[in-house]
Amino acid sequence: MAVIHVTNRAGQKQTITGKLGHTIMENLRDNDLDVEAICGGCCSCATCHVFIDDAWAGKLSPRSADEQELVEQTNSFKPLNSRLSCQIKFTAPLDGIVVTVAPAE
């Protein structure tokens, strides 16, 4: 059973069971964790913006140019931690990942 540790926008921490093969965004959205995902995961809106915990940030593949552009345009952009959760496939090596849902824009 793979898990995702999440802090929502209200600062409440929760651990959810993640579905492997789905994106982090799908897992957060399906558990009602403050992710709007307006574009449905097409990397075109940044409403699934999250901050990846420092310990996990280096374990992810780099952002694509499109993802980089979108997260840089947010008011809460963090160069090392901002990611679009729709662009991160939840796989077994990410079991235990720690994310915080970014503030709404």
N, C-alpha and C. Protein backbone atom coordinates (compact mmCIF):
# COMPACT_ATOMS: atom_id res chain seq x y z
N MET A 1 0.85 -1.17 0.00
CA MET A 1 0.00 0.00 0.00
C MET A 1 0.90 1.24 0.00
N ALA A 2 0.88 2.00 -1.07
CA ALA A 2 1.71 3.20 -1.21
C ALA A 2 0.95 4.41 -0.71
N VAL A 3 1.67 5.32 -0.03
CA VAL A 3 1.00 6.47 0.57
C VAL A 3 1.60 7.79 0.11
N ILE A 4 0.77 8.82 0.23
CA ILE A 4 1.17 10.20 -0.04
C ILE A 4 0.83 10.99 1.21
N HIS A 5 1.79 11.74 1.73
CA HIS A 5 1.58 12.60 2.88
C HIS A 5 1.28 14.01 2.35
N VAL A 6 0.14 14.54 2.72
CA VAL A 6 -0.34 15.80 2.15
C VAL A 6 -0.66 16.81 3.24
N THR A 7 -0.27 18.06 3.01
CA THR A 7 -0.73 19.18 3.83
C THR A 7 -1.65 19.99 2.94
N ASN A 8 -2.90 20.17 3.38
CA ASN A 8 -3.85 20.93 2.55
C ASN A 8 -3.67 22.43 2.77
N ARG A 9 -4.47 23.22 2.11
CA ARG A 9 -4.33 24.68 2.19
C ARG A 9 -4.62 25.24 3.58
N ALA A 10 -5.35 24.51 4.39
CA ALA A 10 -5.64 24.95 5.76
C ALA A 10 -4.54 24.53 6.72
N GLY A 11 -3.51 23.84 6.22
CA GLY A 11 -2.40 23.41 7.06
C GLY A 11 -2.62 22.07 7.74
N GLN A 12 -3.70 21.39 7.40
CA GLN A 12 -3.99 20.09 8.00
C GLN A 12 -3.23 19.00 7.25
N LYS A 13 -2.62 18.12 8.03
CA LYS A 13 -1.85 17.02 7.44
C LYS A 13 -2.69 15.77 7.38
N GLN A 14 -2.51 15.04 6.29
CA GLN A 14 -3.27 13.83 6.08
C GLN A 14 -2.41 12.86 5.28
N THR A 15 -2.57 11.59 5.53
CA THR A 15 -1.91 10.56 4.74
C THR A 15 -2.98 9.81 3.98
N ILE A 16 -2.78 9.72 2.66
CA ILE A 16 -3.76 9.01 1.83
C ILE A 16 -3.08 7.81 1.17
N THR A 17 -3.88 6.82 0.85
CA THR A 17 -3.39 5.70 0.06
C THR A 17 -3.44 6.13 -1.38
N GLY A 18 -2.30 6.10 -2.05
CA GLY A 18 -2.25 6.53 -3.45
C GLY A 18 -2.42 5.37 -4.40
N LYS A 19 -3.03 5.68 -5.53
CA LYS A 19 -3.18 4.67 -6.58
C LYS A 19 -1.96 4.76 -7.49
N LEU A 20 -1.18 3.69 -7.50
CA LEU A 20 0.00 3.65 -8.36
C LEU A 20 -0.43 3.72 -9.82
N GLY A 21 0.36 4.44 -10.61
CA GLY A 21 0.05 4.60 -12.02
C GLY A 21 -0.79 5.82 -12.32
N HIS A 22 -1.43 6.37 -11.30
CA HIS A 22 -2.18 7.61 -11.45
C HIS A 22 -1.24 8.76 -11.13
N THR A 23 -1.62 9.96 -11.50
CA THR A 23 -0.78 11.10 -11.15
C THR A 23 -1.04 11.52 -9.71
N ILE A 24 -0.11 12.29 -9.18
CA ILE A 24 -0.32 12.85 -7.84
C ILE A 24 -1.60 13.68 -7.85
N MET A 25 -1.82 14.45 -8.91
CA MET A 25 -3.04 15.27 -9.03
C MET A 25 -4.30 14.43 -8.92
N GLU A 26 -4.35 13.32 -9.63
CA GLU A 26 -5.54 12.46 -9.58
C GLU A 26 -5.76 11.94 -8.17
N ASN A 27 -4.68 11.55 -7.51
CA ASN A 27 -4.80 11.06 -6.14
C ASN A 27 -5.28 12.14 -5.19
N LEU A 28 -4.76 13.36 -5.32
CA LEU A 28 -5.19 14.45 -4.44
C LEU A 28 -6.64 14.85 -4.73
N ARG A 29 -6.96 15.00 -6.00
CA ARG A 29 -8.33 15.38 -6.40
C ARG A 29 -9.34 14.35 -5.92
N ASP A 30 -9.04 13.09 -6.11
CA ASP A 30 -9.98 12.02 -5.74
C ASP A 30 -10.17 11.90 -4.23
N ASN A 31 -9.29 12.53 -3.47
CA ASN A 31 -9.40 12.54 -2.01
C ASN A 31 -9.81 13.91 -1.48
N ASP A 32 -10.35 14.78 -2.36
CA ASP A 32 -10.86 16.10 -1.99
C ASP A 32 -9.82 16.93 -1.23
N LEU A 33 -8.61 17.01 -1.79
CA LEU A 33 -7.53 17.73 -1.12
C LEU A 33 -7.16 19.03 -1.82
N ASP A 34 -8.12 19.90 -2.06
CA ASP A 34 -7.90 21.28 -2.50
C ASP A 34 -7.26 21.43 -3.88
N VAL A 35 -7.32 20.42 -4.71
CA VAL A 35 -6.76 20.51 -6.05
C VAL A 35 -7.91 20.62 -7.04
N GLU A 36 -7.99 21.77 -7.73
CA GLU A 36 -9.09 21.97 -8.68
C GLU A 36 -8.88 21.17 -9.96
N ALA A 37 -7.66 21.18 -10.48
CA ALA A 37 -7.34 20.45 -11.71
C ALA A 37 -8.29 20.81 -12.85
N ILE A 38 -8.45 22.09 -13.08
CA ILE A 38 -9.41 22.59 -14.07
C ILE A 38 -9.16 22.03 -15.46
N CYS A 39 -7.90 21.89 -15.85
CA CYS A 39 -7.61 21.41 -17.21
C CYS A 39 -7.63 19.88 -17.30
N GLY A 40 -7.85 19.21 -16.19
CA GLY A 40 -7.93 17.75 -16.19
C GLY A 40 -6.59 17.04 -16.29
N GLY A 41 -5.53 17.78 -16.09
CA GLY A 41 -4.20 17.16 -16.12
C GLY A 41 -3.44 17.36 -17.41
N CYS A 42 -3.82 18.38 -18.16
CA CYS A 42 -3.18 18.63 -19.46
C CYS A 42 -2.01 19.59 -19.41
N CYS A 43 -1.58 19.98 -18.22
CA CYS A 43 -0.46 20.90 -18.05
C CYS A 43 -0.75 22.24 -18.72
N SER A 44 -1.95 22.78 -18.42
CA SER A 44 -2.28 24.06 -19.04
C SER A 44 -2.93 25.06 -18.09
N CYS A 45 -2.97 24.78 -16.77
CA CYS A 45 -3.68 25.74 -15.91
C CYS A 45 -3.02 26.04 -14.57
N ALA A 46 -2.22 25.17 -14.03
CA ALA A 46 -1.54 25.34 -12.73
C ALA A 46 -2.46 25.30 -11.52
N THR A 47 -3.69 24.80 -11.67
CA THR A 47 -4.58 24.68 -10.51
C THR A 47 -4.32 23.42 -9.69
N CYS A 48 -3.28 22.69 -10.06
CA CYS A 48 -2.87 21.51 -9.28
C CYS A 48 -1.46 21.73 -8.71
N HIS A 49 -1.09 23.00 -8.56
CA HIS A 49 0.24 23.38 -8.07
C HIS A 49 0.43 22.86 -6.65
N VAL A 50 1.56 22.19 -6.43
CA VAL A 50 1.94 21.71 -5.11
C VAL A 50 3.41 22.04 -4.85
N PHE A 51 3.77 21.97 -3.58
CA PHE A 51 5.17 22.08 -3.18
C PHE A 51 5.64 20.69 -2.77
N ILE A 52 6.70 20.24 -3.36
CA ILE A 52 7.28 18.94 -3.02
C ILE A 52 8.28 19.16 -1.90
N ASP A 53 8.19 18.35 -0.87
CA ASP A 53 9.11 18.44 0.26
C ASP A 53 10.56 18.35 -0.24
N ASP A 54 11.44 19.12 0.41
CA ASP A 54 12.86 19.16 0.02
C ASP A 54 13.47 17.77 -0.14
N ALA A 55 13.13 16.85 0.75
CA ALA A 55 13.71 15.51 0.72
C ALA A 55 13.30 14.73 -0.53
N TRP A 56 12.22 15.13 -1.16
CA TRP A 56 11.69 14.42 -2.34
C TRP A 56 11.94 15.16 -3.65
N ALA A 57 12.16 16.46 -3.59
CA ALA A 57 12.24 17.27 -4.80
C ALA A 57 13.30 16.76 -5.78
N GLY A 58 14.44 16.35 -5.29
CA GLY A 58 15.51 15.87 -6.15
C GLY A 58 15.29 14.49 -6.72
N LYS A 59 14.26 13.80 -6.24
CA LYS A 59 13.98 12.43 -6.71
C LYS A 59 13.05 12.41 -7.92
N LEU A 60 12.53 13.58 -8.28
CA LEU A 60 11.60 13.67 -9.41
C LEU A 60 12.34 14.05 -10.68
N SER A 61 11.78 13.68 -11.80
CA SER A 61 12.36 14.12 -13.07
C SER A 61 12.18 15.63 -13.19
N PRO A 62 13.03 16.29 -13.95
CA PRO A 62 12.91 17.76 -14.08
C PRO A 62 11.59 18.17 -14.70
N ARG A 63 11.20 19.41 -14.45
CA ARG A 63 9.99 19.97 -15.06
C ARG A 63 10.19 20.10 -16.57
N SER A 64 9.11 19.91 -17.30
CA SER A 64 9.14 20.20 -18.74
C SER A 64 9.11 21.71 -18.91
N ALA A 65 9.38 22.19 -20.10
CA ALA A 65 9.35 23.63 -20.37
C ALA A 65 7.96 24.20 -20.09
N ASP A 66 6.91 23.49 -20.47
CA ASP A 66 5.54 23.97 -20.23
C ASP A 66 5.24 24.05 -18.74
N GLU A 67 5.62 23.02 -18.01
CA GLU A 67 5.38 23.03 -16.56
C GLU A 67 6.17 24.17 -15.91
N GLN A 68 7.42 24.34 -16.31
CA GLN A 68 8.26 25.42 -15.76
C GLN A 68 7.60 26.77 -15.97
N GLU A 69 7.12 27.02 -17.17
CA GLU A 69 6.48 28.30 -17.48
C GLU A 69 5.25 28.53 -16.60
N LEU A 70 4.44 27.51 -16.43
CA LEU A 70 3.21 27.65 -15.64
C LEU A 70 3.51 27.89 -14.16
N VAL A 71 4.42 27.13 -13.57
CA VAL A 71 4.68 27.33 -12.14
C VAL A 71 5.38 28.65 -11.87
N GLU A 72 6.20 29.10 -12.80
CA GLU A 72 6.89 30.39 -12.62
C GLU A 72 5.91 31.56 -12.61
N GLN A 73 4.76 31.39 -13.24
CA GLN A 73 3.75 32.45 -13.31
C GLN A 73 2.86 32.52 -12.07
N THR A 74 2.98 31.55 -11.17
CA THR A 74 2.15 31.57 -9.97
C THR A 74 2.73 32.55 -8.95
N ASN A 75 1.87 33.07 -8.09
CA ASN A 75 2.31 34.01 -7.05
C ASN A 75 3.12 33.33 -5.95
N SER A 76 3.00 32.02 -5.84
CA SER A 76 3.67 31.30 -4.75
C SER A 76 4.80 30.41 -5.24
N PHE A 77 5.33 30.69 -6.42
CA PHE A 77 6.40 29.88 -7.02
C PHE A 77 7.59 29.71 -6.09
N LYS A 78 8.02 28.46 -5.93
CA LYS A 78 9.24 28.12 -5.18
C LYS A 78 10.15 27.37 -6.15
N PRO A 79 11.30 27.95 -6.49
CA PRO A 79 12.16 27.36 -7.52
C PRO A 79 12.49 25.88 -7.34
N LEU A 80 12.72 25.42 -6.13
CA LEU A 80 13.09 24.03 -5.93
C LEU A 80 11.91 23.10 -5.66
N ASN A 81 10.77 23.66 -5.27
CA ASN A 81 9.68 22.81 -4.77
C ASN A 81 8.39 22.86 -5.58
N SER A 82 8.18 23.88 -6.39
CA SER A 82 6.93 24.01 -7.13
C SER A 82 6.84 22.99 -8.27
N ARG A 83 5.75 22.27 -8.27
CA ARG A 83 5.46 21.31 -9.35
C ARG A 83 3.97 21.31 -9.63
N LEU A 84 3.63 20.91 -10.84
CA LEU A 84 2.23 20.65 -11.16
C LEU A 84 2.01 19.17 -10.88
N SER A 85 1.09 18.88 -9.99
CA SER A 85 0.90 17.50 -9.57
C SER A 85 0.38 16.61 -10.70
N CYS A 86 -0.16 17.22 -11.75
CA CYS A 86 -0.62 16.44 -12.91
C CYS A 86 0.55 15.89 -13.71
N GLN A 87 1.73 16.40 -13.48
CA GLN A 87 2.90 15.99 -14.24
C GLN A 87 3.77 14.96 -13.51
N ILE A 88 3.29 14.50 -12.36
CA ILE A 88 4.06 13.53 -11.57
C ILE A 88 3.26 12.24 -11.45
N LYS A 89 3.73 11.21 -12.13
CA LYS A 89 3.11 9.89 -12.05
C LYS A 89 3.50 9.28 -10.70
N PHE A 90 2.50 8.80 -9.96
CA PHE A 90 2.76 8.18 -8.66
C PHE A 90 3.17 6.73 -8.87
N THR A 91 4.43 6.46 -8.59
CA THR A 91 5.00 5.13 -8.78
C THR A 91 5.54 4.62 -7.45
N ALA A 92 5.86 3.35 -7.39
CA ALA A 92 6.34 2.74 -6.15
C ALA A 92 7.52 3.48 -5.51
N PRO A 93 8.50 3.98 -6.29
CA PRO A 93 9.60 4.72 -5.65
C PRO A 93 9.16 6.02 -4.95
N LEU A 94 7.96 6.49 -5.26
CA LEU A 94 7.46 7.71 -4.62
C LEU A 94 6.59 7.41 -3.40
N ASP A 95 6.52 6.16 -2.99
CA ASP A 95 5.78 5.78 -1.78
C ASP A 95 6.31 6.60 -0.61
N GLY A 96 5.42 7.36 0.04
CA GLY A 96 5.79 8.18 1.18
C GLY A 96 6.11 9.63 0.84
N ILE A 97 5.94 10.01 -0.43
CA ILE A 97 6.23 11.39 -0.84
C ILE A 97 5.43 12.37 0.01
N VAL A 98 6.02 13.53 0.24
CA VAL A 98 5.41 14.57 1.07
C VAL A 98 5.15 15.79 0.20
N VAL A 99 3.89 16.22 0.12
CA VAL A 99 3.51 17.38 -0.69
C VAL A 99 2.63 18.32 0.12
N THR A 100 2.68 19.59 -0.27
CA THR A 100 1.80 20.60 0.30
C THR A 100 1.06 21.27 -0.85
N VAL A 101 -0.25 21.35 -0.74
CA VAL A 101 -1.03 22.01 -1.79
C VAL A 101 -0.76 23.51 -1.72
N ALA A 102 -0.38 24.08 -2.86
CA ALA A 102 -0.05 25.51 -2.94
C ALA A 102 -1.31 26.35 -2.74
N PRO A 103 -1.14 27.61 -2.31
CA PRO A 103 -2.29 28.49 -2.16
C PRO A 103 -3.03 28.69 -3.47
N ALA A 104 -4.32 28.93 -3.39
CA ALA A 104 -5.11 29.22 -4.58
C ALA A 104 -4.64 30.53 -5.18
N GLU A 105 -4.69 30.61 -6.48
CA GLU A 105 -4.27 31.85 -7.17
C GLU A 105 -5.43 32.81 -7.27
